[in-house]
Every structure is written in C-alpha cells, then in structure tokens.
C-alpha cells in the first residue's frame, strides 16, 4: 500500500470528514497482518475514506509497522484511497 503524503491542512480536512465514521478495521494484538492489509484495501475501495482503530498499547508508525508504545491509549487512524 503506497504511503499518502498529506499537508497539515489536508490531514485536518480528512480528520474532520472522518470524525463521524465508525472504525471499519480493528488492529489487535497480532498487529498489521496480511489479512488486515487486505481488509484495509477492500474497505478503501468500497468507501474511499475509512477509520481504523488500533487496540491495546500499540501505534502505527509512518512506515506501517506497529511498535509497542508504553502507557498509550487506543489510537484512531484515518486513511483514504490514493487518487
């Protein structure tokens, strides 16, 4: 999945548009598996803009890898389909 480069203004706009959305993909203890990547791709193709919930004490890094983060709350991540 190619990384999408957004300016701060574009990121703010995407967050505002995704605010009302419910998470359609949840990333759990197994992390960002191939199955999760396929679900993200399918959801993006169907909806264009989705919300992803990262459960537990994990967070997504810009490279898409999940690292353990101590004492962090669950994080929501929004992604959109590349044009």
Protein backbone atom coordinates (compact mmCIF):
# COMPACT_ATOMS: atom_id res chain seq x y z
CA UNK A 1 0.00 0.00 0.00
CA UNK A 2 1.62 3.28 -1.06
CA UNK A 3 2.03 5.93 1.58
CA UNK A 4 -0.12 9.02 1.09
CA UNK A 5 1.56 12.38 1.65
CA UNK A 6 -0.81 14.97 3.14
CA UNK A 7 -0.20 18.55 4.11
CA UNK A 8 -1.31 19.56 7.60
CA UNK A 9 -4.37 21.30 6.10
CA UNK A 10 -5.30 18.19 4.09
CA UNK A 11 -4.83 15.99 7.16
CA UNK A 12 -7.09 18.30 9.20
CA UNK A 13 -9.75 18.16 6.46
CA UNK A 14 -9.60 14.35 6.30
CA UNK A 15 -9.91 14.08 10.09
CA UNK A 16 -12.96 16.36 10.02
CA UNK A 17 -14.59 14.25 7.29
CA UNK A 18 -13.84 11.02 9.16
CA UNK A 19 -14.96 12.29 12.57
CA UNK A 20 -18.48 10.84 12.29
CA UNK A 21 -17.31 7.48 10.90
CA UNK A 22 -17.20 4.29 12.94
CA UNK A 23 -14.00 2.22 12.67
CA UNK A 24 -14.33 -0.45 9.98
CA UNK A 25 -10.97 -2.13 10.64
CA UNK A 26 -9.58 -3.02 14.07
CA UNK A 27 -5.91 -3.86 14.57
CA UNK A 28 -5.35 -6.06 17.60
CA UNK A 29 -2.57 -7.98 19.31
CA UNK A 30 -1.46 -9.71 16.09
CA UNK A 31 -0.62 -6.34 14.57
CA UNK A 32 -0.74 -5.35 10.93
CA UNK A 33 -1.08 -8.76 9.29
CA UNK A 34 -1.61 -9.54 5.60
CA UNK A 35 -5.28 -10.17 6.36
CA UNK A 36 -5.64 -6.74 7.94
CA UNK A 37 -3.94 -5.13 4.93
CA UNK A 38 -6.41 -6.88 2.59
CA UNK A 39 -9.34 -5.68 4.70
CA UNK A 40 -7.99 -2.11 4.63
CA UNK A 41 -7.64 -2.25 0.84
CA UNK A 42 -11.16 -3.66 0.43
CA UNK A 43 -12.65 -1.04 2.77
CA UNK A 44 -10.83 1.80 0.99
CA UNK A 45 -12.04 0.56 -2.39
CA UNK A 46 -15.61 0.40 -1.07
CA UNK A 47 -15.72 3.63 0.93
CA UNK A 48 -12.79 5.86 -0.07
CA UNK A 49 -12.31 7.12 3.49
CA UNK A 50 -12.22 4.82 6.50
CA UNK A 51 -11.37 4.90 10.17
CA UNK A 52 -9.04 2.28 11.65
CA UNK A 53 -8.89 1.52 15.37
CA UNK A 54 -5.59 0.32 16.83
CA UNK A 55 -6.39 -1.59 20.01
CA UNK A 56 -4.20 -2.03 23.07
CA UNK A 57 -0.87 -0.35 23.67
CA UNK A 58 0.22 -0.22 20.03
CA UNK A 59 0.51 2.55 17.47
CA UNK A 60 1.16 2.78 13.75
CA UNK A 61 4.40 4.30 12.59
CA UNK A 62 4.67 6.11 9.25
CA UNK A 63 6.18 3.00 7.65
CA UNK A 64 3.09 0.98 8.57
CA UNK A 65 4.84 -1.12 11.21
CA UNK A 66 3.31 -1.45 14.66
CA UNK A 67 5.50 -0.72 17.63
CA UNK A 68 4.69 -1.18 21.28
CA UNK A 69 4.02 2.12 22.98
CA UNK A 70 4.07 2.19 26.75
CA UNK A 71 1.10 3.72 28.55
CA UNK A 72 -0.70 4.88 25.42
CA UNK A 73 -4.45 4.93 24.84
CA UNK A 74 -6.00 3.35 21.71
CA UNK A 75 -5.43 5.44 18.61
CA UNK A 76 -7.65 6.01 15.61
CA UNK A 77 -6.00 6.25 12.22
CA UNK A 78 -7.69 7.54 9.12
CA UNK A 79 -6.67 6.61 5.61
CA UNK A 80 -8.01 7.47 2.22
CA UNK A 81 -7.72 5.93 -1.19
CA UNK A 82 -5.00 7.40 -3.38
CA UNK A 83 -6.39 9.23 -6.39
